[in-house]
N, C-alpha and C. Protein backbone atom coordinates (compact mmCIF):
# COMPACT_ATOMS: atom_id res chain seq x y z
N MET A 1 9.24 4.01 -5.86
CA MET A 1 8.71 5.34 -6.10
C MET A 1 9.85 6.24 -6.55
N VAL A 2 9.57 7.10 -7.47
CA VAL A 2 10.57 8.01 -8.00
C VAL A 2 10.22 9.41 -7.53
N VAL A 3 11.22 10.12 -7.02
CA VAL A 3 11.03 11.48 -6.55
C VAL A 3 11.78 12.40 -7.50
N ALA A 4 11.12 13.43 -8.01
CA ALA A 4 11.76 14.38 -8.91
C ALA A 4 12.24 15.58 -8.11
N MET A 5 13.48 16.00 -8.36
CA MET A 5 14.04 17.16 -7.69
C MET A 5 14.59 18.11 -8.75
N ALA A 6 14.24 19.37 -8.65
CA ALA A 6 14.74 20.36 -9.59
C ALA A 6 16.06 20.92 -9.07
N MET A 7 17.08 20.88 -9.92
CA MET A 7 18.40 21.39 -9.54
C MET A 7 18.88 22.33 -10.64
N GLY A 8 18.71 23.59 -10.42
CA GLY A 8 19.21 24.57 -11.37
C GLY A 8 18.63 24.40 -12.76
N GLY A 9 17.35 24.13 -12.87
CA GLY A 9 16.71 23.99 -14.16
C GLY A 9 16.65 22.55 -14.65
N ALA A 10 17.54 21.68 -14.17
CA ALA A 10 17.53 20.28 -14.56
C ALA A 10 16.73 19.48 -13.53
N THR A 11 16.17 18.40 -13.96
CA THR A 11 15.40 17.56 -13.05
C THR A 11 16.13 16.25 -12.86
N ALA A 12 16.36 15.89 -11.61
CA ALA A 12 17.03 14.63 -11.29
C ALA A 12 16.01 13.70 -10.65
N TYR A 13 16.09 12.43 -10.95
CA TYR A 13 15.17 11.45 -10.37
C TYR A 13 15.94 10.54 -9.44
N ALA A 14 15.35 10.29 -8.27
CA ALA A 14 16.00 9.43 -7.29
C ALA A 14 14.99 8.42 -6.78
N GLU A 15 15.42 7.19 -6.60
CA GLU A 15 14.56 6.16 -6.02
C GLU A 15 14.38 6.44 -4.54
N SER A 16 13.21 6.17 -4.02
CA SER A 16 12.94 6.35 -2.60
C SER A 16 13.72 5.31 -1.81
N PRO A 17 14.42 5.71 -0.73
CA PRO A 17 15.17 4.74 0.06
C PRO A 17 14.29 3.94 1.01
N PHE A 18 13.01 4.29 1.08
CA PHE A 18 12.11 3.65 2.03
C PHE A 18 11.29 2.56 1.35
N PRO A 19 10.92 1.53 2.09
CA PRO A 19 10.09 0.48 1.50
C PRO A 19 8.70 1.03 1.19
N PRO A 20 8.02 0.47 0.17
CA PRO A 20 6.68 0.96 -0.14
C PRO A 20 5.71 0.65 0.98
N LEU A 21 4.64 1.43 1.03
CA LEU A 21 3.63 1.20 2.05
C LEU A 21 2.99 -0.18 1.85
N ALA A 22 2.75 -0.86 2.94
CA ALA A 22 2.07 -2.15 2.86
C ALA A 22 0.61 -1.92 2.49
N PRO A 23 0.05 -2.81 1.67
CA PRO A 23 -1.36 -2.62 1.34
C PRO A 23 -2.24 -2.75 2.58
N LYS A 24 -3.25 -1.93 2.62
CA LYS A 24 -4.17 -1.91 3.75
C LYS A 24 -5.03 -3.18 3.70
N PRO A 25 -5.22 -3.86 4.84
CA PRO A 25 -6.08 -5.04 4.82
C PRO A 25 -7.52 -4.64 4.51
N ALA A 26 -8.20 -5.51 3.80
CA ALA A 26 -9.59 -5.22 3.43
C ALA A 26 -10.48 -5.28 4.66
N ASP A 27 -11.17 -4.20 4.92
CA ASP A 27 -12.10 -4.13 6.04
C ASP A 27 -13.50 -4.47 5.51
N PRO A 28 -14.36 -4.94 6.37
CA PRO A 28 -15.74 -5.15 5.91
C PRO A 28 -16.41 -3.81 5.62
N LYS A 29 -17.27 -3.80 4.62
CA LYS A 29 -17.95 -2.57 4.23
C LYS A 29 -18.91 -2.11 5.33
N PRO A 30 -18.77 -0.84 5.78
CA PRO A 30 -19.74 -0.33 6.76
C PRO A 30 -21.12 -0.25 6.12
N PRO A 31 -22.17 -0.49 6.88
CA PRO A 31 -23.52 -0.52 6.30
C PRO A 31 -24.01 0.84 5.78
N TYR A 32 -23.41 1.93 6.24
CA TYR A 32 -23.88 3.25 5.83
C TYR A 32 -23.25 3.74 4.53
N LEU A 33 -22.33 2.96 3.91
CA LEU A 33 -21.71 3.35 2.65
C LEU A 33 -22.30 2.53 1.51
N SER A 34 -22.49 3.20 0.36
CA SER A 34 -22.96 2.46 -0.81
C SER A 34 -21.83 1.59 -1.34
N GLN A 35 -22.17 0.57 -2.08
CA GLN A 35 -21.16 -0.34 -2.64
C GLN A 35 -20.23 0.41 -3.59
N GLU A 36 -20.80 1.32 -4.39
CA GLU A 36 -19.98 2.08 -5.35
C GLU A 36 -18.95 2.94 -4.62
N ARG A 37 -19.38 3.64 -3.57
CA ARG A 37 -18.45 4.48 -2.81
C ARG A 37 -17.40 3.63 -2.12
N TRP A 38 -17.81 2.48 -1.58
CA TRP A 38 -16.87 1.60 -0.90
C TRP A 38 -15.78 1.10 -1.86
N GLU A 39 -16.16 0.71 -3.06
CA GLU A 39 -15.18 0.23 -4.05
C GLU A 39 -14.23 1.35 -4.46
N ALA A 40 -14.75 2.58 -4.59
CA ALA A 40 -13.89 3.71 -4.94
C ALA A 40 -12.87 3.99 -3.83
N MET A 41 -13.29 3.80 -2.58
CA MET A 41 -12.37 4.04 -1.45
C MET A 41 -11.29 2.96 -1.37
N GLN A 42 -11.55 1.78 -1.87
CA GLN A 42 -10.58 0.69 -1.81
C GLN A 42 -9.49 0.83 -2.86
N GLN A 43 -9.73 1.64 -3.89
CA GLN A 43 -8.75 1.85 -4.95
C GLN A 43 -8.48 3.34 -5.11
N PRO A 44 -7.66 3.92 -4.21
CA PRO A 44 -7.43 5.36 -4.27
C PRO A 44 -6.70 5.77 -5.55
N LEU A 45 -7.07 6.93 -6.07
CA LEU A 45 -6.45 7.44 -7.30
C LEU A 45 -5.07 8.01 -7.05
N PHE A 46 -4.79 8.44 -5.82
CA PHE A 46 -3.56 9.15 -5.53
C PHE A 46 -2.68 8.36 -4.57
N GLY A 47 -2.41 7.11 -4.87
CA GLY A 47 -1.56 6.28 -4.03
C GLY A 47 -0.15 6.84 -3.90
N GLY A 48 0.34 7.49 -4.95
CA GLY A 48 1.67 8.09 -4.92
C GLY A 48 1.78 9.21 -3.91
N VAL A 49 0.69 9.93 -3.71
CA VAL A 49 0.68 11.01 -2.72
C VAL A 49 0.86 10.42 -1.33
N ALA A 50 0.18 9.34 -1.05
CA ALA A 50 0.30 8.69 0.26
C ALA A 50 1.72 8.16 0.48
N GLN A 51 2.32 7.58 -0.56
CA GLN A 51 3.68 7.06 -0.44
C GLN A 51 4.67 8.20 -0.22
N THR A 52 4.50 9.31 -0.93
CA THR A 52 5.39 10.46 -0.76
C THR A 52 5.25 11.04 0.64
N ARG A 53 4.02 11.13 1.15
CA ARG A 53 3.81 11.62 2.51
C ARG A 53 4.50 10.72 3.52
N ALA A 54 4.40 9.42 3.34
CA ALA A 54 5.05 8.48 4.26
C ALA A 54 6.57 8.60 4.17
N ASP A 55 7.11 8.75 2.95
CA ASP A 55 8.56 8.93 2.79
C ASP A 55 9.04 10.19 3.51
N LEU A 56 8.31 11.29 3.34
CA LEU A 56 8.71 12.55 3.97
C LEU A 56 8.59 12.47 5.49
N GLU A 57 7.58 11.77 5.98
CA GLU A 57 7.42 11.62 7.43
C GLU A 57 8.60 10.83 8.00
N ARG A 58 8.98 9.76 7.32
CA ARG A 58 10.12 8.96 7.80
C ARG A 58 11.42 9.74 7.71
N LEU A 59 11.58 10.52 6.65
CA LEU A 59 12.80 11.32 6.50
C LEU A 59 12.89 12.36 7.60
N ALA A 60 11.78 13.05 7.90
CA ALA A 60 11.77 14.05 8.98
C ALA A 60 12.09 13.40 10.32
N LEU A 61 11.53 12.23 10.57
CA LEU A 61 11.82 11.50 11.81
C LEU A 61 13.30 11.11 11.87
N ASP A 62 13.85 10.66 10.75
CA ASP A 62 15.27 10.29 10.72
C ASP A 62 16.17 11.49 10.99
N PHE A 63 15.85 12.66 10.42
CA PHE A 63 16.66 13.85 10.69
C PHE A 63 16.61 14.24 12.16
N GLN A 64 15.42 14.17 12.73
CA GLN A 64 15.27 14.49 14.15
C GLN A 64 16.05 13.48 15.01
N LEU A 65 15.91 12.20 14.71
CA LEU A 65 16.64 11.19 15.47
C LEU A 65 18.15 11.31 15.30
N PHE A 66 18.58 11.68 14.10
CA PHE A 66 20.01 11.86 13.87
C PHE A 66 20.57 12.93 14.80
N ASP A 67 19.87 14.06 14.89
CA ASP A 67 20.31 15.13 15.80
C ASP A 67 20.35 14.64 17.24
N TRP A 68 19.33 13.90 17.64
CA TRP A 68 19.28 13.42 19.02
C TRP A 68 20.34 12.35 19.29
N CYS A 69 20.60 11.51 18.30
CA CYS A 69 21.64 10.48 18.48
C CYS A 69 23.03 11.12 18.62
N MET A 70 23.25 12.22 17.94
CA MET A 70 24.55 12.89 17.99
C MET A 70 24.70 13.75 19.24
N ASN A 71 23.63 13.95 20.01
CA ASN A 71 23.66 14.78 21.21
C ASN A 71 23.96 13.89 22.42
N ALA A 72 25.12 14.07 23.02
CA ALA A 72 25.53 13.25 24.16
C ALA A 72 24.72 13.53 25.42
N GLN A 73 23.97 14.63 25.45
CA GLN A 73 23.19 14.97 26.64
C GLN A 73 21.86 14.21 26.71
N ILE A 74 21.48 13.55 25.63
CA ILE A 74 20.23 12.80 25.62
C ILE A 74 20.55 11.33 25.93
N SER A 75 19.89 10.80 26.94
CA SER A 75 20.20 9.43 27.39
C SER A 75 19.63 8.39 26.43
N ASP A 76 20.22 7.20 26.50
CA ASP A 76 19.74 6.09 25.67
C ASP A 76 18.31 5.71 26.05
N ALA A 77 17.97 5.82 27.34
CA ALA A 77 16.62 5.49 27.78
C ALA A 77 15.59 6.43 27.16
N ARG A 78 15.94 7.69 26.99
CA ARG A 78 15.03 8.66 26.37
C ARG A 78 14.88 8.41 24.87
N LEU A 79 15.96 7.94 24.23
CA LEU A 79 15.92 7.69 22.79
C LEU A 79 15.22 6.38 22.44
N ALA A 80 15.19 5.41 23.35
CA ALA A 80 14.68 4.07 23.03
C ALA A 80 13.27 4.07 22.44
N PRO A 81 12.28 4.76 23.05
CA PRO A 81 10.93 4.71 22.44
C PRO A 81 10.88 5.37 21.06
N LEU A 82 11.67 6.41 20.86
CA LEU A 82 11.68 7.08 19.56
C LEU A 82 12.32 6.19 18.49
N LEU A 83 13.38 5.51 18.88
CA LEU A 83 14.03 4.58 17.94
C LEU A 83 13.12 3.40 17.63
N GLU A 84 12.32 2.96 18.61
CA GLU A 84 11.35 1.87 18.37
C GLU A 84 10.31 2.30 17.34
N ARG A 85 9.85 3.54 17.44
CA ARG A 85 8.86 4.05 16.48
C ARG A 85 9.45 4.08 15.07
N ALA A 86 10.69 4.54 14.96
CA ALA A 86 11.35 4.58 13.66
C ALA A 86 11.54 3.16 13.12
N ALA A 87 11.85 2.22 14.00
CA ALA A 87 12.05 0.84 13.57
C ALA A 87 10.75 0.24 13.04
N ARG A 88 9.62 0.58 13.65
CA ARG A 88 8.33 0.08 13.16
C ARG A 88 8.02 0.66 11.78
N LEU A 89 8.41 1.89 11.53
CA LEU A 89 8.14 2.52 10.23
C LEU A 89 9.06 2.00 9.13
N THR A 90 10.30 1.71 9.47
CA THR A 90 11.29 1.37 8.45
C THR A 90 11.63 -0.11 8.36
N GLY A 91 11.43 -0.85 9.44
CA GLY A 91 11.81 -2.25 9.45
C GLY A 91 13.28 -2.47 9.80
N ASP A 92 14.00 -1.40 10.09
CA ASP A 92 15.41 -1.51 10.48
C ASP A 92 15.51 -1.72 11.99
N PRO A 93 16.69 -2.11 12.49
CA PRO A 93 16.84 -2.25 13.93
C PRO A 93 16.70 -0.89 14.64
N PRO A 94 16.25 -0.89 15.90
CA PRO A 94 16.06 0.38 16.62
C PRO A 94 17.35 0.89 17.23
N THR A 95 18.29 1.31 16.39
CA THR A 95 19.58 1.80 16.86
C THR A 95 19.91 3.12 16.16
N CYS A 96 20.79 3.88 16.80
CA CYS A 96 21.26 5.12 16.17
C CYS A 96 22.06 4.82 14.91
N GLN A 97 22.79 3.70 14.90
CA GLN A 97 23.56 3.34 13.71
C GLN A 97 22.65 3.11 12.51
N ALA A 98 21.47 2.51 12.73
CA ALA A 98 20.53 2.29 11.62
C ALA A 98 20.01 3.62 11.08
N VAL A 99 19.74 4.57 11.97
CA VAL A 99 19.29 5.90 11.54
C VAL A 99 20.37 6.56 10.70
N MET A 100 21.60 6.50 11.17
CA MET A 100 22.71 7.12 10.44
C MET A 100 22.92 6.45 9.08
N ARG A 101 22.77 5.13 9.02
CA ARG A 101 22.92 4.42 7.75
C ARG A 101 21.84 4.86 6.76
N ARG A 102 20.60 5.02 7.24
CA ARG A 102 19.52 5.45 6.33
C ARG A 102 19.79 6.84 5.76
N LEU A 103 20.47 7.68 6.52
CA LEU A 103 20.78 9.03 6.05
C LEU A 103 22.12 9.12 5.32
N GLY A 104 22.77 7.97 5.16
CA GLY A 104 24.04 7.95 4.42
C GLY A 104 25.22 8.44 5.22
N TRP A 105 25.19 8.28 6.54
CA TRP A 105 26.27 8.73 7.40
C TRP A 105 27.07 7.54 7.87
N PRO A 106 28.35 7.53 8.01
CA PRO A 106 29.26 8.65 7.70
C PRO A 106 29.50 8.76 6.21
N ARG A 107 29.74 9.94 5.80
CA ARG A 107 29.97 10.19 4.38
C ARG A 107 31.41 9.78 4.04
N PRO A 108 31.60 9.18 2.86
CA PRO A 108 32.97 8.79 2.46
C PRO A 108 33.85 9.97 2.16
């Protein structure tokens, strides 16, 4: 996925650092939906919107986790469930180092 960012009148394009969303498994058609409506729901027109929303959700979670990882007053036991959630979303190990790597930390 490509994200466009405006910088002083110029537009820069950056590849998303997150893996694409996995395709949703096909569910059986509910009896109350017509076949035409069901087929339309299986092929959404705005797949890019869903991918962008997922990217932004993961980025917001990473920023929050980064702050918490850098705070010595927060225990590892308190961070563990939050890091597990981030690991399920990204596929990376559930560690503070993985969060920092996704955000490009430490900077050279």
